[in-house]
N, C-alpha and C. Protein backbone atom coordinates (compact mmCIF):
# COMPACT_ATOMS: atom_id res chain seq x y z
N MET A 1 10.91 -125.05 39.32
CA MET A 1 10.40 -126.19 39.74
C MET A 1 11.62 -127.37 39.61
N ALA A 2 12.40 -127.16 38.63
CA ALA A 2 13.57 -128.13 38.49
C ALA A 2 14.44 -128.10 39.68
N LYS A 3 14.65 -127.10 40.37
CA LYS A 3 15.46 -127.02 41.62
C LYS A 3 14.64 -127.58 42.83
N LEU A 4 13.33 -127.35 42.75
CA LEU A 4 12.51 -127.92 43.87
C LEU A 4 12.57 -129.51 43.71
N ALA A 5 12.33 -130.00 42.42
CA ALA A 5 12.38 -131.31 42.12
C ALA A 5 13.79 -132.04 42.73
N GLU A 6 14.84 -131.31 42.35
CA GLU A 6 16.24 -131.81 42.72
C GLU A 6 16.28 -131.80 44.24
N ALA A 7 15.88 -130.64 44.79
CA ALA A 7 15.97 -130.57 46.34
C ALA A 7 15.11 -131.71 47.13
N LEU A 8 13.94 -132.02 46.50
CA LEU A 8 13.12 -132.95 47.04
C LEU A 8 13.56 -134.43 46.74
N GLY A 9 14.43 -134.50 45.73
CA GLY A 9 14.99 -135.83 45.21
C GLY A 9 13.81 -136.55 44.55
N LEU A 10 12.97 -135.76 43.85
CA LEU A 10 11.91 -136.40 43.10
C LEU A 10 12.00 -136.06 41.48
N ASP A 11 11.37 -136.77 40.81
CA ASP A 11 11.26 -136.51 39.30
C ASP A 11 10.38 -135.31 39.05
N LEU A 12 10.86 -134.42 38.11
CA LEU A 12 10.27 -133.26 37.79
C LEU A 12 8.78 -133.38 37.42
N ASP A 13 8.46 -134.45 36.77
CA ASP A 13 7.10 -134.72 36.34
C ASP A 13 6.22 -134.97 37.55
N GLN A 14 6.75 -135.57 38.66
CA GLN A 14 5.97 -135.71 39.93
C GLN A 14 5.56 -134.39 40.51
N VAL A 15 6.68 -133.53 40.55
CA VAL A 15 6.57 -132.11 41.19
C VAL A 15 5.64 -131.37 40.36
N GLN A 16 5.71 -131.42 38.95
CA GLN A 16 4.78 -130.70 38.08
C GLN A 16 3.43 -131.10 38.28
N ALA A 17 3.08 -132.31 38.42
CA ALA A 17 1.84 -132.90 38.64
C ALA A 17 1.18 -132.43 39.97
N ALA A 18 1.95 -132.40 41.01
CA ALA A 18 1.50 -131.94 42.28
C ALA A 18 1.08 -130.46 42.31
N LEU A 19 2.14 -129.71 41.55
CA LEU A 19 1.75 -128.26 41.45
C LEU A 19 0.48 -127.97 40.59
N THR A 20 0.38 -128.69 39.59
CA THR A 20 -0.78 -128.56 38.75
C THR A 20 -2.04 -128.78 39.53
N ALA A 21 -2.05 -129.82 40.30
CA ALA A 21 -3.17 -130.11 41.21
C ALA A 21 -3.50 -129.06 42.12
N ARG A 22 -2.49 -128.16 42.44
CA ARG A 22 -2.76 -126.98 43.33
C ARG A 22 -3.00 -125.75 42.49
N SER A 23 -3.11 -125.84 41.15
CA SER A 23 -3.25 -124.68 40.33
C SER A 23 -2.02 -123.75 40.43
N GLU A 24 -0.88 -124.31 40.57
CA GLU A 24 0.26 -123.51 40.57
C GLU A 24 0.96 -123.41 39.28
N PRO A 25 1.98 -122.43 38.99
CA PRO A 25 2.52 -122.41 37.68
C PRO A 25 3.13 -123.66 37.22
N GLU A 26 3.18 -123.93 35.95
CA GLU A 26 3.61 -125.24 35.56
C GLU A 26 4.94 -125.11 34.83
N ALA A 27 5.50 -123.90 34.48
CA ALA A 27 6.78 -123.75 33.86
C ALA A 27 7.87 -124.30 34.71
N ALA A 28 8.89 -124.99 34.23
CA ALA A 28 9.99 -125.57 35.15
C ALA A 28 10.71 -124.48 35.83
N ASP A 29 10.84 -123.24 35.26
CA ASP A 29 11.60 -122.22 35.99
C ASP A 29 10.74 -121.24 36.91
N ASP A 30 9.57 -121.43 36.98
CA ASP A 30 8.83 -120.55 37.77
C ASP A 30 9.03 -120.67 39.26
N PRO A 31 9.09 -119.47 39.93
CA PRO A 31 9.50 -119.54 41.43
C PRO A 31 8.33 -120.13 42.18
N VAL A 32 8.62 -120.85 43.21
CA VAL A 32 7.59 -121.53 44.17
C VAL A 32 7.89 -120.98 45.52
N ASP A 33 6.72 -120.49 46.25
CA ASP A 33 6.96 -119.99 47.56
C ASP A 33 7.05 -121.00 48.55
N ALA A 34 7.48 -120.87 49.81
CA ALA A 34 7.81 -121.77 50.79
C ALA A 34 6.53 -122.59 51.25
N GLU A 35 5.42 -121.81 51.26
CA GLU A 35 4.13 -122.62 51.62
C GLU A 35 3.89 -123.70 50.59
N THR A 36 4.10 -123.32 49.30
CA THR A 36 3.70 -124.27 48.19
C THR A 36 4.80 -125.40 48.34
N ILE A 37 6.05 -125.15 48.57
CA ILE A 37 6.98 -126.18 48.62
C ILE A 37 6.71 -127.24 49.79
N LEU A 38 6.26 -126.76 50.94
CA LEU A 38 5.90 -127.55 52.18
C LEU A 38 4.68 -128.39 51.70
N ALA A 39 3.72 -127.77 51.08
CA ALA A 39 2.44 -128.57 50.70
C ALA A 39 2.71 -129.62 49.59
N ILE A 40 3.60 -129.25 48.74
CA ILE A 40 3.92 -130.22 47.76
C ILE A 40 4.76 -131.40 48.30
N ALA A 41 5.74 -131.05 49.12
CA ALA A 41 6.54 -132.10 49.76
C ALA A 41 5.63 -133.04 50.61
N ASP A 42 4.65 -132.46 51.33
CA ASP A 42 3.67 -133.16 52.17
C ASP A 42 2.90 -134.18 51.33
N ALA A 43 2.38 -133.57 50.22
CA ALA A 43 1.58 -134.30 49.20
C ALA A 43 2.40 -135.42 48.68
N LEU A 44 3.57 -135.29 48.44
CA LEU A 44 4.43 -136.32 47.89
C LEU A 44 5.09 -137.15 48.86
N GLY A 45 4.86 -137.03 50.19
CA GLY A 45 5.33 -137.84 51.23
C GLY A 45 6.88 -137.56 51.60
N VAL A 46 7.24 -136.38 51.29
CA VAL A 46 8.66 -135.95 51.56
C VAL A 46 8.78 -135.00 52.74
N SER A 47 9.78 -135.27 53.60
CA SER A 47 9.91 -134.29 54.75
C SER A 47 11.10 -133.21 54.22
N VAL A 48 10.61 -131.94 54.41
CA VAL A 48 11.61 -130.89 54.04
C VAL A 48 11.63 -129.86 55.32
N HIS A 49 12.83 -129.25 55.30
CA HIS A 49 13.05 -128.13 56.30
C HIS A 49 13.36 -126.90 55.47
N ILE A 50 12.77 -125.80 55.68
CA ILE A 50 13.12 -124.57 55.02
C ILE A 50 13.78 -123.62 56.00
N GLU A 51 14.94 -123.28 55.71
CA GLU A 51 15.67 -122.45 56.64
C GLU A 51 15.03 -120.95 56.91
N PRO A 52 15.12 -120.56 58.07
CA PRO A 52 14.49 -119.23 58.50
C PRO A 52 15.08 -118.14 57.43
N ARG A 53 16.33 -118.12 57.04
CA ARG A 53 16.87 -117.14 56.17
C ARG A 53 16.09 -117.23 54.84
N ASP A 54 15.75 -118.28 54.40
CA ASP A 54 15.02 -118.49 53.16
C ASP A 54 13.72 -117.83 53.19
N LEU A 55 13.01 -118.13 54.24
CA LEU A 55 11.69 -117.54 54.70
C LEU A 55 11.72 -116.06 54.73
N ALA A 56 12.76 -115.57 55.47
CA ALA A 56 13.00 -114.14 55.67
C ALA A 56 13.23 -113.48 54.19
N LEU A 57 14.01 -114.04 53.47
CA LEU A 57 14.27 -113.55 52.03
C LEU A 57 12.96 -113.46 51.21
N GLU A 58 12.21 -114.50 51.32
CA GLU A 58 10.93 -114.60 50.62
C GLU A 58 10.08 -113.39 51.02
N ALA A 59 9.92 -113.12 52.48
CA ALA A 59 9.12 -112.15 52.95
C ALA A 59 9.54 -110.73 52.62
N LEU A 60 10.94 -110.51 52.68
CA LEU A 60 11.43 -109.22 52.34
C LEU A 60 11.38 -108.90 50.81
N TYR A 61 11.56 -109.85 50.10
CA TYR A 61 11.59 -109.70 48.54
C TYR A 61 10.03 -109.35 48.25
N GLY A 62 9.03 -110.09 48.87
CA GLY A 62 7.83 -109.95 48.54
C GLY A 62 7.30 -108.59 48.99
N THR A 63 7.75 -108.22 50.18
CA THR A 63 7.45 -106.90 50.62
C THR A 63 7.82 -105.78 49.66
N GLU A 64 9.13 -105.86 49.23
CA GLU A 64 9.61 -104.81 48.35
C GLU A 64 9.06 -104.89 46.98
N THR A 65 8.84 -106.00 46.47
CA THR A 65 8.32 -106.16 45.03
C THR A 65 6.82 -106.16 44.84
N SER A 66 6.05 -106.59 45.78
CA SER A 66 4.58 -106.69 45.60
C SER A 66 3.72 -106.27 46.76
N GLY A 67 4.40 -105.60 47.75
CA GLY A 67 3.66 -105.15 48.88
C GLY A 67 3.04 -106.29 49.85
N MET A 68 3.79 -107.46 49.75
CA MET A 68 3.36 -108.56 50.62
C MET A 68 3.44 -108.15 52.10
N ASP A 69 2.56 -108.74 52.86
CA ASP A 69 2.56 -108.48 54.41
C ASP A 69 3.74 -109.26 54.94
N PRO A 70 4.83 -108.73 55.55
CA PRO A 70 5.90 -109.49 55.97
C PRO A 70 5.66 -110.25 57.30
N THR A 71 4.41 -110.04 57.83
CA THR A 71 4.09 -110.67 59.15
C THR A 71 3.65 -112.12 58.91
N GLU A 72 3.68 -112.59 57.73
CA GLU A 72 3.29 -113.91 57.41
C GLU A 72 4.38 -115.00 57.75
N THR A 73 5.45 -114.65 58.33
CA THR A 73 6.48 -115.50 58.68
C THR A 73 6.40 -115.82 60.26
N SER A 74 7.24 -116.74 60.64
CA SER A 74 7.19 -117.04 62.07
C SER A 74 8.56 -117.34 62.65
N GLY A 75 8.68 -117.39 63.92
CA GLY A 75 10.04 -117.76 64.60
C GLY A 75 11.14 -116.84 64.22
N ARG A 76 12.23 -117.51 63.89
CA ARG A 76 13.50 -116.71 63.62
C ARG A 76 13.32 -115.96 62.43
N ALA A 77 12.65 -116.35 61.42
CA ALA A 77 12.36 -115.50 60.16
C ALA A 77 11.73 -114.23 60.49
N THR A 78 10.57 -114.23 61.47
CA THR A 78 10.14 -113.00 61.75
C THR A 78 10.96 -112.10 62.52
N LYS A 79 11.86 -112.60 63.26
CA LYS A 79 12.93 -111.66 63.97
C LYS A 79 13.90 -111.09 62.99
N ILE A 80 14.34 -111.83 61.97
CA ILE A 80 15.22 -111.37 60.90
C ILE A 80 14.38 -110.29 60.07
N VAL A 81 13.05 -110.57 59.68
CA VAL A 81 12.33 -109.60 58.79
C VAL A 81 12.16 -108.32 59.60
N GLN A 82 11.55 -108.42 60.76
CA GLN A 82 11.39 -107.34 61.66
C GLN A 82 12.75 -106.40 61.91
N GLY A 83 13.82 -107.13 62.09
CA GLY A 83 15.11 -106.41 62.44
C GLY A 83 15.44 -105.65 61.17
N VAL A 84 15.45 -106.33 59.97
CA VAL A 84 15.78 -105.69 58.72
C VAL A 84 14.90 -104.45 58.43
N LEU A 85 13.62 -104.60 58.67
CA LEU A 85 12.78 -103.48 58.36
C LEU A 85 13.01 -102.29 59.39
N GLU A 86 13.25 -102.61 60.64
CA GLU A 86 13.53 -101.55 61.52
C GLU A 86 14.74 -100.85 61.22
N LYS A 87 15.81 -101.42 60.71
CA LYS A 87 17.08 -100.92 60.57
C LYS A 87 17.50 -100.62 59.03
N ARG A 88 16.53 -100.87 58.23
CA ARG A 88 16.80 -100.72 56.67
C ARG A 88 17.49 -99.60 56.27
N ASP A 89 17.06 -98.44 56.81
CA ASP A 89 17.83 -97.14 56.13
C ASP A 89 19.25 -97.08 56.57
N THR A 90 19.52 -97.48 57.83
CA THR A 90 20.82 -97.35 58.36
C THR A 90 21.77 -98.52 57.65
N MET A 91 21.05 -99.59 57.49
CA MET A 91 21.81 -100.80 56.78
C MET A 91 22.03 -100.44 55.25
N ASP A 92 21.10 -99.79 54.61
CA ASP A 92 21.29 -99.40 53.36
C ASP A 92 22.46 -98.51 53.16
N GLU A 93 22.57 -97.50 54.03
CA GLU A 93 23.75 -96.57 53.96
C GLU A 93 25.04 -97.32 54.03
N MET A 94 25.15 -98.35 55.02
CA MET A 94 26.32 -99.14 55.29
C MET A 94 26.60 -99.98 54.04
N ILE A 95 25.57 -100.54 53.41
CA ILE A 95 25.75 -101.49 52.21
C ILE A 95 26.23 -100.55 51.04
N GLU A 96 25.75 -99.46 50.86
CA GLU A 96 26.07 -98.52 49.81
C GLU A 96 27.50 -98.09 49.92
N GLU A 97 27.98 -97.87 51.19
CA GLU A 97 29.43 -97.62 51.42
C GLU A 97 30.31 -98.71 51.16
N ALA A 98 29.92 -99.97 51.30
CA ALA A 98 30.70 -101.16 51.08
C ALA A 98 30.71 -101.63 49.69
N SER A 99 29.70 -101.27 49.00
CA SER A 99 29.60 -101.72 47.56
C SER A 99 30.04 -100.59 46.62
N GLU A 100 31.19 -100.80 46.19
CA GLU A 100 31.74 -99.71 45.21
C GLU A 100 30.97 -99.62 43.97
N HIS A 101 30.67 -98.35 43.69
CA HIS A 101 30.05 -98.02 42.40
C HIS A 101 28.60 -98.60 42.26
N TRP A 102 27.98 -98.97 43.40
CA TRP A 102 26.57 -99.56 43.28
C TRP A 102 25.77 -98.79 44.43
N SER A 103 24.73 -98.23 43.97
CA SER A 103 23.81 -97.68 44.94
C SER A 103 22.80 -98.81 45.26
N VAL A 104 22.29 -98.88 46.47
CA VAL A 104 21.41 -99.85 46.91
C VAL A 104 20.04 -99.82 45.95
N ALA A 105 19.71 -98.72 45.50
CA ALA A 105 18.40 -98.73 44.65
C ALA A 105 18.67 -99.36 43.27
N ARG A 106 20.06 -99.42 42.81
CA ARG A 106 20.24 -100.10 41.62
C ARG A 106 20.59 -101.62 41.71
N MET A 107 20.59 -102.10 42.81
CA MET A 107 20.80 -103.57 43.09
C MET A 107 19.61 -104.29 42.74
N PRO A 108 19.59 -105.47 42.33
CA PRO A 108 18.41 -106.34 42.19
C PRO A 108 17.72 -106.48 43.51
N ALA A 109 16.46 -106.46 43.60
CA ALA A 109 15.73 -106.58 44.89
C ALA A 109 16.18 -107.84 45.66
N VAL A 110 16.32 -108.99 45.04
CA VAL A 110 16.81 -110.10 45.73
C VAL A 110 18.18 -109.87 46.33
N ASP A 111 19.09 -109.32 45.62
CA ASP A 111 20.42 -109.08 46.27
C ASP A 111 20.29 -108.14 47.42
N ARG A 112 19.57 -107.10 47.27
CA ARG A 112 19.38 -106.16 48.29
C ARG A 112 18.93 -106.68 49.57
N SER A 113 17.97 -107.76 49.39
CA SER A 113 17.30 -108.39 50.53
C SER A 113 18.40 -109.40 51.20
N ILE A 114 19.14 -109.96 50.34
CA ILE A 114 20.09 -110.91 50.92
C ILE A 114 21.22 -110.13 51.67
N LEU A 115 21.65 -109.10 51.19
CA LEU A 115 22.62 -108.18 51.88
C LEU A 115 22.14 -107.66 53.12
N ARG A 116 20.90 -107.28 53.18
CA ARG A 116 20.23 -106.78 54.39
C ARG A 116 20.16 -107.90 55.40
N ILE A 117 19.81 -109.12 54.97
CA ILE A 117 19.67 -110.11 55.97
C ILE A 117 21.06 -110.43 56.53
N GLY A 118 22.12 -110.52 55.67
CA GLY A 118 23.49 -110.76 56.05
C GLY A 118 24.00 -109.72 57.09
N LEU A 119 23.82 -108.45 56.79
CA LEU A 119 24.10 -107.25 57.55
C LEU A 119 23.50 -107.37 58.91
N TYR A 120 22.16 -107.54 58.89
CA TYR A 120 21.35 -107.71 60.22
C TYR A 120 22.08 -108.73 60.99
N GLU A 121 22.36 -109.92 60.47
CA GLU A 121 22.93 -110.90 61.31
C GLU A 121 24.35 -110.55 61.78
N LEU A 122 25.21 -109.85 61.05
CA LEU A 122 26.44 -109.36 61.51
C LEU A 122 26.32 -108.46 62.72
N LEU A 123 25.30 -107.56 62.60
CA LEU A 123 24.96 -106.53 63.61
C LEU A 123 24.40 -107.08 64.91
N GLU A 124 23.47 -108.07 64.70
CA GLU A 124 22.67 -108.38 65.80
C GLU A 124 22.75 -109.81 66.29
N GLU A 125 23.37 -110.71 65.65
CA GLU A 125 23.45 -112.05 65.87
C GLU A 125 24.87 -112.50 66.33
N ASP A 126 25.39 -111.97 67.37
CA ASP A 126 26.77 -112.22 67.89
C ASP A 126 27.08 -113.72 68.03
N ASP A 127 26.09 -114.59 68.22
CA ASP A 127 26.28 -116.09 68.34
C ASP A 127 26.48 -116.67 67.03
N ILE A 128 26.31 -116.09 65.94
CA ILE A 128 26.48 -116.68 64.64
C ILE A 128 27.87 -116.30 64.14
N PRO A 129 28.70 -117.23 63.90
CA PRO A 129 30.04 -116.85 63.47
C PRO A 129 29.96 -116.22 62.04
N THR A 130 30.86 -115.19 61.82
CA THR A 130 30.86 -114.40 60.62
C THR A 130 30.93 -115.28 59.28
N ALA A 131 31.77 -116.27 59.38
CA ALA A 131 31.83 -117.14 58.09
C ALA A 131 30.50 -117.80 57.81
N VAL A 132 29.62 -118.19 58.72
CA VAL A 132 28.55 -118.87 58.67
C VAL A 132 27.39 -117.84 57.96
N ILE A 133 27.43 -116.57 58.36
CA ILE A 133 26.62 -115.55 57.79
C ILE A 133 26.96 -115.29 56.48
N VAL A 134 28.20 -115.10 56.19
CA VAL A 134 28.75 -114.85 54.78
C VAL A 134 28.30 -116.13 53.91
N SER A 135 28.61 -117.31 54.33
CA SER A 135 28.40 -118.50 53.67
C SER A 135 26.96 -118.71 53.31
N GLU A 136 26.09 -118.47 54.24
CA GLU A 136 24.65 -118.60 54.03
C GLU A 136 24.21 -117.43 53.13
N ALA A 137 24.67 -116.35 53.14
CA ALA A 137 24.23 -115.32 52.19
C ALA A 137 24.65 -115.69 50.79
N ILE A 138 25.87 -116.25 50.53
CA ILE A 138 26.29 -116.65 49.28
C ILE A 138 25.39 -117.84 48.78
N ARG A 139 24.99 -118.72 49.70
CA ARG A 139 24.02 -119.79 49.31
C ARG A 139 22.75 -119.26 48.83
N LEU A 140 22.25 -118.28 49.47
CA LEU A 140 20.93 -117.62 49.06
C LEU A 140 21.05 -116.99 47.71
N ALA A 141 22.19 -116.32 47.36
CA ALA A 141 22.50 -115.68 46.25
C ALA A 141 22.46 -116.67 45.05
N LYS A 142 23.19 -117.74 45.28
CA LYS A 142 23.36 -118.84 44.29
C LYS A 142 21.98 -119.50 44.03
N THR A 143 21.18 -119.63 45.05
CA THR A 143 19.88 -120.34 45.00
C THR A 143 18.91 -119.45 44.32
N TYR A 144 18.85 -118.12 44.73
CA TYR A 144 17.69 -117.14 44.25
C TYR A 144 18.15 -116.24 43.28
N SER A 145 19.34 -115.93 43.01
CA SER A 145 19.87 -114.94 42.10
C SER A 145 20.70 -115.54 41.10
N THR A 146 21.83 -114.90 40.85
CA THR A 146 22.65 -115.28 39.77
C THR A 146 24.05 -115.67 40.43
N GLU A 147 24.91 -116.36 39.60
CA GLU A 147 26.26 -116.69 40.12
C GLU A 147 27.04 -115.37 40.29
N ARG A 148 26.99 -114.42 39.47
CA ARG A 148 27.63 -113.22 39.66
C ARG A 148 27.19 -112.60 40.92
N SER A 149 25.95 -112.61 41.29
CA SER A 149 25.34 -112.13 42.50
C SER A 149 26.08 -112.75 43.75
N ALA A 150 26.33 -113.90 43.69
CA ALA A 150 27.04 -114.69 44.70
C ALA A 150 28.43 -114.09 45.09
N SER A 151 29.13 -113.72 44.12
CA SER A 151 30.47 -113.18 44.36
C SER A 151 30.38 -111.73 44.71
N PHE A 152 29.27 -110.85 44.18
CA PHE A 152 28.97 -109.53 44.69
C PHE A 152 28.66 -109.58 46.16
N VAL A 153 27.73 -110.35 46.56
CA VAL A 153 27.23 -110.60 47.93
C VAL A 153 28.40 -110.85 48.84
N ASN A 154 29.35 -111.85 48.46
CA ASN A 154 30.42 -112.15 49.19
C ASN A 154 31.38 -111.06 49.52
N GLY A 155 31.72 -110.26 48.44
CA GLY A 155 32.44 -109.12 48.47
C GLY A 155 32.01 -108.00 49.39
N VAL A 156 30.71 -107.71 49.27
CA VAL A 156 30.11 -106.63 50.04
C VAL A 156 29.97 -107.17 51.51
N LEU A 157 29.60 -108.36 51.78
CA LEU A 157 29.47 -108.76 53.18
C LEU A 157 30.84 -108.94 53.86
N ALA A 158 31.74 -109.29 53.13
CA ALA A 158 33.16 -109.49 53.69
C ALA A 158 33.72 -108.17 54.13
N THR A 159 33.31 -107.02 53.22
CA THR A 159 33.72 -105.64 53.69
C THR A 159 32.96 -105.22 54.87
N LEU A 160 31.73 -105.57 54.93
CA LEU A 160 30.89 -105.13 56.03
C LEU A 160 31.26 -105.79 57.30
N ALA A 161 31.67 -107.13 57.17
CA ALA A 161 31.99 -107.95 58.39
C ALA A 161 33.30 -107.30 58.89
N GLN A 162 34.25 -106.90 58.05
CA GLN A 162 35.48 -106.26 58.70
C GLN A 162 35.22 -105.03 59.39
N LYS A 163 34.14 -104.30 58.83
CA LYS A 163 33.87 -102.92 59.58
C LYS A 163 32.94 -103.23 60.78
N VAL A 164 32.18 -104.18 60.76
CA VAL A 164 31.33 -104.34 61.89
C VAL A 164 31.84 -105.25 63.05
N ARG A 165 32.55 -106.33 62.61
CA ARG A 165 33.01 -107.21 63.62
C ARG A 165 34.52 -107.21 63.77
N GLY A 166 35.16 -106.51 62.90
CA GLY A 166 36.64 -106.35 63.05
C GLY A 166 37.40 -107.45 62.37
């Protein structure tokens, strides 16, 4: 919630009060899904835009960890989610080859999902520059995982980008 308050430019107490009114978790470090973020922002009179990559990450992570239905996304996020799910086995082999001493199964679920999104975009989104794809993957890792994950994601995607895009 602290990151949500910061992102919205609001006081943490305001965000906690709005979450409490929705019967959401109250701890400052509890994760908050995109739907809740939009509802809280609306209730507090703040306009926000959530990137499709963030929504795709939420859906893929939820699918993997709790069996969430990945069809709850829309637009570009749906395209990313469907593309990742269709090509997951092939992409996991590529990720495993590029990540020295790490099997995909041993990676944290959020990092796996970030790498899959990045690789999907490298393979299928020719109009998006490689630097943007890698930069966005690093942003996702810094936002949703750990600082160490950001450098890991950077290294793996840089290796994959060399292989896929030359």
